[in-house]
C-alpha atoms as a PDB file:
ATOM      1  CA  MET A   1      46.338 119.421  62.465  1.00  0.00           C
ATOM      2  CA  SER A   2      45.757 118.165  66.225  1.00  0.00           C
ATOM      3  CA  GLU A   3      42.369 119.248  67.908  1.00  0.00           C
ATOM      4  CA  GLN A   4      42.297 122.034  70.440  1.00  0.00           C
ATOM      5  CA  ASN A   5      42.704 120.306  73.830  1.00  0.00           C
ATOM      6  CA  PHE A   6      39.746 122.558  75.321  1.00  0.00           C
ATOM      7  CA  VAL A   7      39.757 123.159  79.816  1.00  0.00           C
ATOM      8  CA  ALA A   8      36.966 124.050  81.820  1.00  0.00           C
ATOM      9  CA  VAL A   9      38.199 127.389  83.665  1.00  0.00           C
ATOM     10  CA  ALA A  10      34.982 129.115  84.949  1.00  0.00           C
ATOM     11  CA  ARG A  11      31.570 130.123  84.462  1.00  0.00           C
ATOM     12  CA  VAL A  12      29.893 132.506  82.509  1.00  0.00           C
ATOM     13  CA  GLU A  13      27.781 134.656  85.421  1.00  0.00           C
ATOM     14  CA  ASP A  14      31.644 134.896  86.966  1.00  0.00           C
ATOM     15  CA  VAL A  15      32.988 137.386  83.710  1.00  0.00           C
ATOM     16  CA  PRO A  16      29.951 139.949  83.799  1.00  0.00           C
ATOM     17  CA  PRO A  17      30.117 142.166  80.988  1.00  0.00           C
ATOM     18  CA  GLY A  18      33.052 144.949  81.405  1.00  0.00           C
ATOM     19  CA  THR A  19      35.318 143.039  84.226  1.00  0.00           C
ATOM     20  CA  VAL A  20      38.041 140.434  84.256  1.00  0.00           C
ATOM     21  CA  LYS A  21      38.718 137.171  85.863  1.00  0.00           C
ATOM     22  CA  ALA A  22      42.275 136.173  86.380  1.00  0.00           C
ATOM     23  CA  VAL A  23      42.439 131.846  86.183  1.00  0.00           C
ATOM     24  CA  ASP A  24      45.546 129.463  86.526  1.00  0.00           C
ATOM     25  CA  VAL A  25      45.715 127.140  83.725  1.00  0.00           C
ATOM     26  CA  GLY A  26      49.174 124.843  84.232  1.00  0.00           C
ATOM     27  CA  GLY A  27      50.369 127.167  86.225  1.00  0.00           C
ATOM     28  CA  ARG A  28      50.036 130.056  83.717  1.00  0.00           C
ATOM     29  CA  SER A  29      48.091 133.195  84.571  1.00  0.00           C
ATOM     30  CA  ILE A  30      44.923 133.803  81.810  1.00  0.00           C
ATOM     31  CA  LEU A  31      43.084 136.317  82.133  1.00  0.00           C
ATOM     32  CA  LEU A  32      39.128 136.420  80.984  1.00  0.00           C
ATOM     33  CA  CYS A  33      37.805 139.232  79.770  1.00  0.00           C
ATOM     34  CA  ASN A  34      34.470 140.151  78.931  1.00  0.00           C
ATOM     35  CA  SER A  35      34.389 143.014  76.408  1.00  0.00           C
ATOM     36  CA  LYS A  36      31.991 143.640  73.476  1.00  0.00           C
ATOM     37  CA  ASP A  37      29.180 141.055  74.334  1.00  0.00           C
ATOM     38  CA  ARG A  38      32.285 138.682  74.237  1.00  0.00           C
ATOM     39  CA  ILE A  39      34.848 136.401  76.311  1.00  0.00           C
ATOM     40  CA  PHE A  40      38.530 136.845  75.883  1.00  0.00           C
ATOM     41  CA  ALA A  41      41.553 135.012  77.064  1.00  0.00           C
ATOM     42  CA  VAL A  42      44.822 136.495  77.134  1.00  0.00           C
ATOM     43  CA  GLU A  43      47.764 136.299  78.735  1.00  0.00           C
ATOM     44  CA  ASN A  44      47.549 137.843  82.130  1.00  0.00           C
ATOM     45  CA  GLN A  45      51.164 139.681  81.546  1.00  0.00           C
ATOM     46  CA  CYS A  46      51.821 142.724  80.046  1.00  0.00           C
ATOM     47  CA  SER A  47      54.548 142.470  76.798  1.00  0.00           C
ATOM     48  CA  HIS A  48      56.395 145.748  77.738  1.00  0.00           C
ATOM     49  CA  ALA A  49      56.345 145.739  81.278  1.00  0.00           C
ATOM     50  CA  GLU A  50      55.623 142.244  82.650  1.00  0.00           C
ATOM     51  CA  GLU A  51      53.131 143.459  85.148  1.00  0.00           C
ATOM     52  CA  PRO A  52      49.531 141.499  85.867  1.00  0.00           C
ATOM     53  CA  LEU A  53      46.654 143.281  83.333  1.00  0.00           C
ATOM     54  CA  ALA A  54      44.084 141.779  85.412  1.00  0.00           C
ATOM     55  CA  CYS A  55      43.802 145.489  86.846  1.00  0.00           C
ATOM     56  CA  GLY A  56      44.038 147.088  84.020  1.00  0.00           C
ATOM     57  CA  ARG A  57      41.314 148.987  81.947  1.00  0.00           C
ATOM     58  CA  ILE A  58      38.930 147.219  79.567  1.00  0.00           C
ATOM     59  CA  ARG A  59      37.288 149.128  76.937  1.00  0.00           C
ATOM     60  CA  ASN A  60      35.792 148.152  73.918  1.00  0.00           C
ATOM     61  CA  GLY A  61      38.145 144.979  72.622  1.00  0.00           C
ATOM     62  CA  TRP A  62      41.104 145.822  74.378  1.00  0.00           C
ATOM     63  CA  ILE A  63      42.798 146.304  77.054  1.00  0.00           C
ATOM     64  CA  ALA A  64      45.180 148.433  79.169  1.00  0.00           C
ATOM     65  CA  CYS A  65      48.242 147.385  81.155  1.00  0.00           C
ATOM     66  CA  PRO A  66      48.373 149.293  84.500  1.00  0.00           C
ATOM     67  CA  ALA A  67      51.228 150.362  84.571  1.00  0.00           C
ATOM     68  CA  HIS A  68      52.278 152.276  81.255  1.00  0.00           C
ATOM     69  CA  GLY A  69      49.212 152.168  79.400  1.00  0.00           C
ATOM     70  CA  ALA A  70      50.058 149.783  76.885  1.00  0.00           C
ATOM     71  CA  ARG A  71      47.084 148.742  75.077  1.00  0.00           C
ATOM     72  CA  PHE A  72      46.311 145.144  73.877  1.00  0.00           C
ATOM     73  CA  ASP A  73      43.901 144.033  71.097  1.00  0.00           C
ATOM     74  CA  LEU A  74      41.965 141.456  72.792  1.00  0.00           C
ATOM     75  CA  GLU A  75      41.053 139.446  69.805  1.00  0.00           C
ATOM     76  CA  THR A  76      44.538 139.691  68.711  1.00  0.00           C
ATOM     77  CA  GLY A  77      46.955 140.212  71.554  1.00  0.00           C
ATOM     78  CA  GLU A  78      48.457 142.955  69.231  1.00  0.00           C
ATOM     79  CA  ALA A  79      49.883 146.061  70.996  1.00  0.00           C
ATOM     80  CA  MET A  80      47.669 149.277  70.134  1.00  0.00           C
ATOM     81  CA  ASN A  81      50.043 151.665  71.178  1.00  0.00           C
ATOM     82  CA  PRO A  82      53.676 152.317  72.968  1.00  0.00           C
ATOM     83  CA  PRO A  83      55.948 151.327  74.853  1.00  0.00           C
ATOM     84  CA  ALA A  84      54.388 147.773  74.147  1.00  0.00           C
ATOM     85  CA  LYS A  85      55.990 146.221  70.890  1.00  0.00           C
ATOM     86  CA  ASP A  86      55.390 142.877  71.378  1.00  0.00           C
ATOM     87  CA  PRO A  87      51.624 141.524  71.543  1.00  0.00           C
ATOM     88  CA  ILE A  88      50.480 139.097  74.394  1.00  0.00           C
ATOM     89  CA  ALA A  89      49.402 135.240  73.863  1.00  0.00           C
ATOM     90  CA  ILE A  90      45.874 134.830  73.175  1.00  0.00           C
ATOM     91  CA  PHE A  91      44.050 131.637  73.864  1.00  0.00           C
ATOM     92  CA  ALA A  92      41.146 130.152  71.888  1.00  0.00           C
ATOM     93  CA  VAL A  93      37.735 130.198  73.963  1.00  0.00           C
ATOM     94  CA  ARG A  94      34.201 128.264  74.208  1.00  0.00           C
ATOM     95  CA  ILE A  95      31.373 128.379  75.924  1.00  0.00           C
ATOM     96  CA  THR A  96      29.328 125.296  76.914  1.00  0.00           C
ATOM     97  CA  GLY A  97      26.112 125.425  78.645  1.00  0.00           C
ATOM     98  CA  GLU A  98      27.124 128.146  81.239  1.00  0.00           C
ATOM     99  CA  THR A  99      31.019 127.050  81.389  1.00  0.00           C
ATOM    100  CA  ILE A 100      33.759 129.363  79.805  1.00  0.00           C
ATOM    101  CA  GLU A 101      36.599 126.987  78.667  1.00  0.00           C
ATOM    102  CA  ILE A 102      39.727 127.742  77.300  1.00  0.00           C
ATOM    103  CA  ALA A 103      42.213 126.060  74.528  1.00  0.00           C
ATOM    104  CA  VAL A 104      45.763 125.141  76.403  1.00  0.00           C
END
């Protein structure tokens, strides 16, 4: 089993509670989400509408697509309601000091 490669993407202060921050990692848009006293990292694209999730509502561990309201669990990436059926990609997160790192 190979060890995950973590890269620094932002500072903790860049993502206050209840907010999101889009970052680019290797040409892929990743959304950092601060919800439930935790930082999550998910793909910044709805699996249904292929719309960016960055403008979506974030609440209690989920984010909603701004296009059709599909919700995704920030921990698992699973679609929580229609019209989305497919999950979104999630990424492991670790905090080192004040730096947010994600596995790529």
